[in-house]
């Protein structure tokens, strides 16, 4: 059984309960608009969650391509993780590309074919990828209204917006309400991460402020975050052990600033699952009552830039029941 399926199982069941369709409201005016949600694989959604809520065309995840040497892999390719781990370990060039507008054409047409009336398309920060532009090109020529949202973030920070959008759409919200639900969820999310080296981020052009650390400090272990859609430096630490300890402290400080019982944690790993699991257990020990963190592999399109051994923490608000206005 995969670790993605084991970790956060109780949380997945609670979300399933929230997503059950609500009974129709007597006297509601007009037919209900059915809204589909589209995202990209940078959202790092747990496989179980996608399988549970992606049926019937409600949710489509567009895979992002990863280029290893002369070979192009889709982010959902079963051979990609092993191929990329080997490439990163051996220094083989690894890069990424945006999905094509044609992939989004297919996703939006799939929503049409499944009987949906509108689409909310939620994507990785436009400052980190051209995915948003490809989605907008396809949206402009779609046969149904498509609203494209820049999440201004990555990983499960983007994913919580997708989850909130799916919940609102399943509850019968109009597309503008679905977007508002996504934006509200994303606004609660904070991203903290540790990378063993800045080299992959430097090669991919994904660092700006943090680039001043390269070449000026030897063998630093950087702690980074996402602010306003871009990678920003948080702290410089001299050893991997101290870096993980500081990552834990940043997370605990964030949790302490939130009302008890209102936060959840997601952990991403690539090549260091045991380390991520240990961090999750330590967070629960330090923060009694914290739900088991959702543990997922860092999407390959993100690992290509973060490198082997990246450890990512996402702290977000607990998703409440969607608010749907009468008549929507």
Protein backbone atom coordinates (compact mmCIF):
# COMPACT_ATOMS: atom_id res chain seq x y z
CA UNK A 1 0.00 0.00 0.00
CA UNK A 2 1.39 3.42 -0.91
CA UNK A 3 2.30 5.86 1.83
CA UNK A 4 0.10 8.49 0.19
CA UNK A 5 -2.88 6.25 0.83
CA UNK A 6 -1.97 5.59 4.46
CA UNK A 7 -1.05 9.10 5.55
CA UNK A 8 -3.94 11.43 6.34
CA UNK A 9 -6.57 8.72 5.82
CA UNK A 10 -8.86 10.16 8.49
CA UNK A 11 -8.61 13.58 6.96
CA UNK A 12 -9.52 12.18 3.54
CA UNK A 13 -12.64 10.59 4.99
CA UNK A 14 -13.65 13.85 6.68
CA UNK A 15 -13.23 15.71 3.39
CA UNK A 16 -15.34 13.09 1.61
CA UNK A 17 -18.17 13.76 4.05
CA UNK A 18 -17.96 17.47 3.37
CA UNK A 19 -18.09 16.93 -0.38
CA UNK A 20 -21.30 14.90 -0.43
CA UNK A 21 -23.84 16.77 -2.55
CA UNK A 22 -26.22 18.87 -0.49
CA UNK A 23 -29.97 18.43 -0.92
CA UNK A 24 -31.68 20.82 -3.29
CA UNK A 25 -33.13 23.96 -1.74
CA UNK A 26 -36.90 24.16 -2.35
CA UNK A 27 -37.83 27.15 -4.45
CA UNK A 28 -34.30 27.87 -5.67
CA UNK A 29 -34.63 29.97 -8.79
CA UNK A 30 -33.23 28.78 -12.08
CA UNK A 31 -31.16 25.74 -13.00
CA UNK A 32 -27.98 25.14 -11.04
CA UNK A 33 -24.76 25.85 -12.94
CA UNK A 34 -22.39 22.89 -12.78
CA UNK A 35 -18.76 23.94 -12.30
CA UNK A 36 -15.74 21.76 -13.05
CA UNK A 37 -12.26 22.36 -11.63
CA UNK A 38 -9.00 21.98 -13.56
CA UNK A 39 -5.51 22.20 -12.08
CA UNK A 40 -1.96 21.09 -12.84
CA UNK A 41 0.18 18.44 -11.19
CA UNK A 42 2.15 21.04 -9.21
CA UNK A 43 -0.84 21.06 -6.83
CA UNK A 44 0.52 17.83 -5.26
CA UNK A 45 -2.93 16.45 -4.45
CA UNK A 46 -2.88 13.03 -2.77
CA UNK A 47 -3.73 10.27 -5.27
CA UNK A 48 -6.55 8.94 -3.08
CA UNK A 49 -8.16 12.34 -2.91
CA UNK A 50 -8.06 12.80 -6.69
CA UNK A 51 -9.50 9.33 -7.24
CA UNK A 52 -12.26 10.05 -4.74
CA UNK A 53 -13.30 13.45 -6.11
CA UNK A 54 -12.12 13.49 -9.72
CA UNK A 55 -14.80 11.21 -11.10
CA UNK A 56 -17.46 12.39 -13.53
CA UNK A 57 -15.30 15.23 -14.79
CA UNK A 58 -15.56 17.33 -11.61
CA UNK A 59 -11.75 17.54 -11.33
CA UNK A 60 -9.03 17.23 -13.96
CA UNK A 61 -5.30 17.36 -13.16
CA UNK A 62 -3.18 18.29 -16.17
CA UNK A 63 0.28 16.67 -15.90
CA UNK A 64 3.32 18.91 -16.33
CA UNK A 65 6.25 17.74 -18.48
CA UNK A 66 9.75 17.05 -17.14
CA UNK A 67 12.75 16.88 -19.49
CA UNK A 68 15.64 14.58 -18.60
CA UNK A 69 18.47 14.77 -21.10
CA UNK A 70 16.78 14.25 -24.48
CA UNK A 71 13.69 12.52 -23.04
CA UNK A 72 10.39 14.16 -22.15
CA UNK A 73 8.30 12.61 -19.37
CA UNK A 74 4.81 13.46 -18.18
CA UNK A 75 4.54 14.16 -14.45
CA UNK A 76 2.19 11.17 -14.16
CA UNK A 77 4.62 8.75 -15.87
CA UNK A 78 5.30 5.76 -13.63
CA UNK A 79 8.97 5.69 -14.70
CA UNK A 80 9.64 9.35 -14.00
CA UNK A 81 10.54 9.24 -10.30
CA UNK A 82 13.27 6.63 -10.75
CA UNK A 83 14.61 8.30 -13.90
CA UNK A 84 14.74 11.72 -12.28
CA UNK A 85 16.29 10.47 -9.05
CA UNK A 86 19.08 8.89 -11.08
CA UNK A 87 19.49 12.02 -13.20
CA UNK A 88 19.68 14.35 -10.20
CA UNK A 89 22.16 12.07 -8.43
CA UNK A 90 24.39 11.82 -11.51
CA UNK A 91 24.21 15.48 -12.54
CA UNK A 92 22.26 14.85 -15.75
CA UNK A 93 20.36 17.92 -16.91
CA UNK A 94 16.76 18.04 -15.65
CA UNK A 95 14.35 20.78 -16.67
CA UNK A 96 10.64 21.42 -16.94
CA UNK A 97 8.18 22.92 -19.38
CA UNK A 98 4.63 24.16 -19.23
CA UNK A 99 1.79 21.96 -20.45
CA UNK A 100 0.68 22.84 -23.97
CA UNK A 101 -2.49 24.89 -24.58
CA UNK A 102 -3.77 21.78 -26.34
CA UNK A 103 -3.71 19.86 -23.06
CA UNK A 104 -5.96 22.49 -21.53
CA UNK A 105 -8.19 22.47 -24.62
CA UNK A 106 -8.71 18.77 -23.95
CA UNK A 107 -9.38 19.32 -20.23
CA UNK A 108 -11.94 22.05 -20.85
CA UNK A 109 -13.64 20.07 -23.63
CA UNK A 110 -13.79 17.13 -21.23
CA UNK A 111 -15.78 19.33 -18.85
CA UNK A 112 -18.15 20.24 -21.68
CA UNK A 113 -18.59 16.58 -22.62
CA UNK A 114 -19.32 15.69 -18.98
CA UNK A 115 -22.14 18.23 -18.87
CA UNK A 116 -20.48 21.06 -16.94
CA UNK A 117 -21.39 24.67 -17.64
CA UNK A 118 -18.25 26.48 -16.47
CA UNK A 119 -14.67 25.77 -15.34
CA UNK A 120 -12.36 27.19 -12.70
CA UNK A 121 -8.74 26.51 -13.68
CA UNK A 122 -6.25 26.85 -10.77
CA UNK A 123 -2.52 26.86 -11.45
CA UNK A 124 1.03 27.11 -10.18
CA UNK A 125 2.37 30.61 -9.63
CA UNK A 126 2.79 32.55 -12.86
CA UNK A 127 6.17 33.73 -11.56
CA UNK A 128 7.45 30.16 -11.51
CA UNK A 129 5.92 28.67 -14.66
CA UNK A 130 4.28 29.57 -17.97
CA UNK A 131 1.43 27.17 -17.20
CA UNK A 132 -0.97 30.02 -16.47
CA UNK A 133 -0.44 31.48 -19.96
CA UNK A 134 -1.13 28.13 -21.62
CA UNK A 135 -4.32 27.73 -19.60
CA UNK A 136 -5.47 31.24 -20.51
CA UNK A 137 -4.89 30.63 -24.23
CA UNK A 138 -7.12 27.58 -24.06
CA UNK A 139 -9.68 29.38 -21.88
CA UNK A 140 -10.05 32.15 -24.43
CA UNK A 141 -11.20 29.67 -27.07
CA UNK A 142 -13.23 27.37 -24.85
CA UNK A 143 -16.87 26.66 -25.63
CA UNK A 144 -17.88 27.36 -22.01
CA UNK A 145 -16.78 30.08 -19.56
CA UNK A 146 -13.39 29.34 -18.02
CA UNK A 147 -11.94 31.42 -15.17
CA UNK A 148 -8.16 31.04 -14.76
CA UNK A 149 -6.71 31.60 -11.30
CA UNK A 150 -3.04 32.20 -10.48
CA UNK A 151 -2.60 30.49 -7.11
CA UNK A 152 0.64 32.47 -6.59
CA UNK A 153 2.04 29.41 -4.84
CA UNK A 154 2.92 25.71 -5.31
CA UNK A 155 2.39 22.25 -3.87
CA UNK A 156 -0.38 21.64 -1.36
CA UNK A 157 -0.67 25.39 -0.80
CA UNK A 158 -2.07 25.40 -4.33
CA UNK A 159 -3.78 22.08 -3.64
CA UNK A 160 -5.86 23.36 -0.71
CA UNK A 161 -7.34 25.91 -3.09
CA UNK A 162 -8.26 23.12 -5.48
CA UNK A 163 -9.83 21.13 -2.65
CA UNK A 164 -11.89 24.11 -1.50
CA UNK A 165 -12.98 24.78 -5.09
CA UNK A 166 -14.10 21.18 -5.60
CA UNK A 167 -16.03 21.28 -2.32
CA UNK A 168 -17.80 24.50 -3.28
CA UNK A 169 -18.55 23.26 -6.80
CA UNK A 170 -19.96 19.97 -5.47
CA UNK A 171 -22.18 21.95 -3.09
CA UNK A 172 -23.70 23.85 -6.02
CA UNK A 173 -21.79 27.15 -5.89
CA UNK A 174 -21.62 29.42 -8.91
CA UNK A 175 -18.24 29.79 -10.59
CA UNK A 176 -17.44 33.13 -8.91
CA UNK A 177 -18.19 31.57 -5.52
CA UNK A 178 -16.01 28.58 -6.39
CA UNK A 179 -13.17 30.97 -7.19
CA UNK A 180 -13.71 32.87 -3.93
CA UNK A 181 -13.54 29.61 -1.97
CA UNK A 182 -10.25 28.71 -3.66
CA UNK A 183 -8.74 32.14 -3.01
CA UNK A 184 -9.77 32.06 0.64
CA UNK A 185 -8.18 28.65 1.18
CA UNK A 186 -4.96 29.61 -0.61
CA UNK A 187 -4.70 32.76 1.51
CA UNK A 188 -4.43 30.61 4.65
CA UNK A 189 -1.48 28.59 3.32
CA UNK A 190 2.21 29.11 4.06
CA UNK A 191 5.10 27.23 2.44
CA UNK A 192 8.45 26.56 4.11
CA UNK A 193 11.10 24.32 2.61
CA UNK A 194 14.63 23.07 2.92
CA UNK A 195 16.85 22.14 -0.02
CA UNK A 196 20.28 20.51 0.40
CA UNK A 197 21.65 22.81 -2.32
CA UNK A 198 20.56 25.90 -4.25
CA UNK A 199 22.17 24.55 -7.42
CA UNK A 200 19.02 23.12 -9.02
CA UNK A 201 17.04 26.27 -8.28
CA UNK A 202 19.86 28.37 -9.71
CA UNK A 203 20.05 26.30 -12.89
CA UNK A 204 16.30 26.57 -13.40
CA UNK A 205 16.23 30.31 -12.78
CA UNK A 206 13.76 29.91 -9.90
CA UNK A 207 15.69 31.99 -7.35
CA UNK A 208 16.07 35.75 -7.23
CA UNK A 209 16.74 37.12 -3.75
CA UNK A 210 18.19 33.77 -2.75
CA UNK A 211 20.67 33.90 -5.64
CA UNK A 212 22.93 36.21 -3.62
CA UNK A 213 23.68 33.23 -1.38
CA UNK A 214 25.23 31.28 -4.26
CA UNK A 215 28.98 31.67 -4.43
CA UNK A 216 29.19 33.80 -1.29
CA UNK A 217 28.63 31.17 1.37
CA UNK A 218 30.05 27.69 1.08
CA UNK A 219 27.91 24.66 1.85
CA UNK A 220 24.95 26.51 3.31
CA UNK A 221 21.67 24.69 3.90
CA UNK A 222 19.02 27.23 2.88
CA UNK A 223 15.51 27.54 4.24
CA UNK A 224 13.19 29.08 1.68
CA UNK A 225 9.57 30.10 1.35
CA UNK A 226 7.04 31.27 -1.21
CA UNK A 227 5.97 34.91 -1.03
CA UNK A 228 3.86 36.69 -3.64
CA UNK A 229 4.34 33.77 -6.01
CA UNK A 230 8.16 33.71 -5.89
CA UNK A 231 10.86 31.77 -4.02
CA UNK A 232 12.34 33.87 -1.21
CA UNK A 233 15.13 33.17 1.31
CA UNK A 234 14.23 32.75 4.96
CA UNK A 235 17.36 31.58 6.77
CA UNK A 236 20.89 30.25 6.18
CA UNK A 237 21.89 27.22 8.24
CA UNK A 238 25.25 25.45 8.28
CA UNK A 239 24.18 21.82 8.58
CA UNK A 240 21.34 19.59 7.37
CA UNK A 241 20.39 18.64 10.93
CA UNK A 242 20.11 22.27 12.02
CA UNK A 243 18.16 23.10 8.84
CA UNK A 244 15.51 20.46 9.56
CA UNK A 245 15.31 21.58 13.18
CA UNK A 246 14.75 25.18 12.08
CA UNK A 247 12.16 24.04 9.54
CA UNK A 248 10.30 22.32 12.37
CA UNK A 249 10.52 25.43 14.55
CA UNK A 250 9.19 27.68 11.76
CA UNK A 251 6.27 25.29 11.36
CA UNK A 252 5.52 25.14 15.08
CA UNK A 253 5.64 28.94 15.32
CA UNK A 254 3.17 29.17 12.45
CA UNK A 255 0.85 26.63 14.08
CA UNK A 256 1.05 28.48 17.42
CA UNK A 257 -0.15 31.66 15.72
CA UNK A 258 -3.34 29.93 14.53
CA UNK A 259 -6.39 29.06 16.62
CA UNK A 260 -6.23 25.48 17.96
CA UNK A 261 -7.85 22.96 15.68
CA UNK A 262 -7.92 25.28 12.67
CA UNK A 263 -4.73 24.20 10.91
CA UNK A 264 -3.47 21.22 8.97
CA UNK A 265 -0.02 20.33 7.71
CA UNK A 266 1.16 18.81 4.45
CA UNK A 267 4.66 17.41 3.92
CA UNK A 268 6.36 16.87 0.56
CA UNK A 269 9.48 14.76 0.08
CA UNK A 270 11.64 13.53 -2.77
CA UNK A 271 14.11 10.76 -2.00
CA UNK A 272 13.74 11.31 1.77
CA UNK A 273 10.35 9.93 2.76
CA UNK A 274 11.59 8.67 6.15
CA UNK A 275 12.86 12.15 7.00
CA UNK A 276 9.48 13.68 6.13
CA UNK A 277 7.64 11.06 8.15
CA UNK A 278 9.88 11.69 11.16
CA UNK A 279 9.24 15.43 10.90
CA UNK A 280 5.50 14.80 10.85
CA UNK A 281 5.69 12.64 13.96
CA UNK A 282 7.79 15.24 15.74
CA UNK A 283 5.29 17.99 14.88
CA UNK A 284 2.45 15.91 16.31
CA UNK A 285 4.44 15.24 19.47
CA UNK A 286 5.14 18.95 19.92
CA UNK A 287 1.61 20.05 18.97
CA UNK A 288 -0.94 17.75 20.68
CA UNK A 289 -4.18 17.55 18.73
CA UNK A 290 -2.57 18.22 15.37
CA UNK A 291 -4.01 15.86 12.76
CA UNK A 292 -1.58 13.49 11.05
CA UNK A 293 0.16 15.49 8.33
CA UNK A 294 -0.72 14.62 4.74
CA UNK A 295 2.44 13.04 3.32
CA UNK A 296 3.03 13.13 -0.46
CA UNK A 297 5.94 12.88 -2.86
CA UNK A 298 6.99 16.27 -4.15
CA UNK A 299 5.68 16.50 -7.73
CA UNK A 300 8.48 15.81 -10.18
CA UNK A 301 8.00 19.19 -11.81
CA UNK A 302 8.90 20.80 -8.46
CA UNK A 303 11.56 18.27 -7.47
CA UNK A 304 13.33 19.02 -10.75
CA UNK A 305 14.11 22.46 -9.33
CA UNK A 306 14.35 21.69 -5.61
CA UNK A 307 16.59 18.63 -6.05
CA UNK A 308 16.96 15.35 -4.17
CA UNK A 309 16.35 15.58 -0.45
CA UNK A 310 14.02 18.57 -0.60
CA UNK A 311 11.68 18.77 2.38
CA UNK A 312 8.59 20.98 2.09
CA UNK A 313 6.07 21.95 4.77
CA UNK A 314 2.71 23.50 3.93
CA UNK A 315 0.61 24.89 6.77
CA UNK A 316 -2.95 25.84 5.88
CA UNK A 317 -6.34 26.47 7.41
CA UNK A 318 -8.81 23.65 7.92
CA UNK A 319 -11.39 23.67 5.15
CA UNK A 320 -14.86 24.51 6.47
CA UNK A 321 -18.19 23.78 4.79
CA UNK A 322 -18.57 25.80 1.58
CA UNK A 323 -20.83 28.82 1.71
CA UNK A 324 -23.34 28.80 -1.13
CA UNK A 325 -25.63 31.73 -1.67
CA UNK A 326 -29.30 30.98 -2.41
CA UNK A 327 -30.17 31.19 -6.05
CA UNK A 328 -26.69 30.25 -7.25
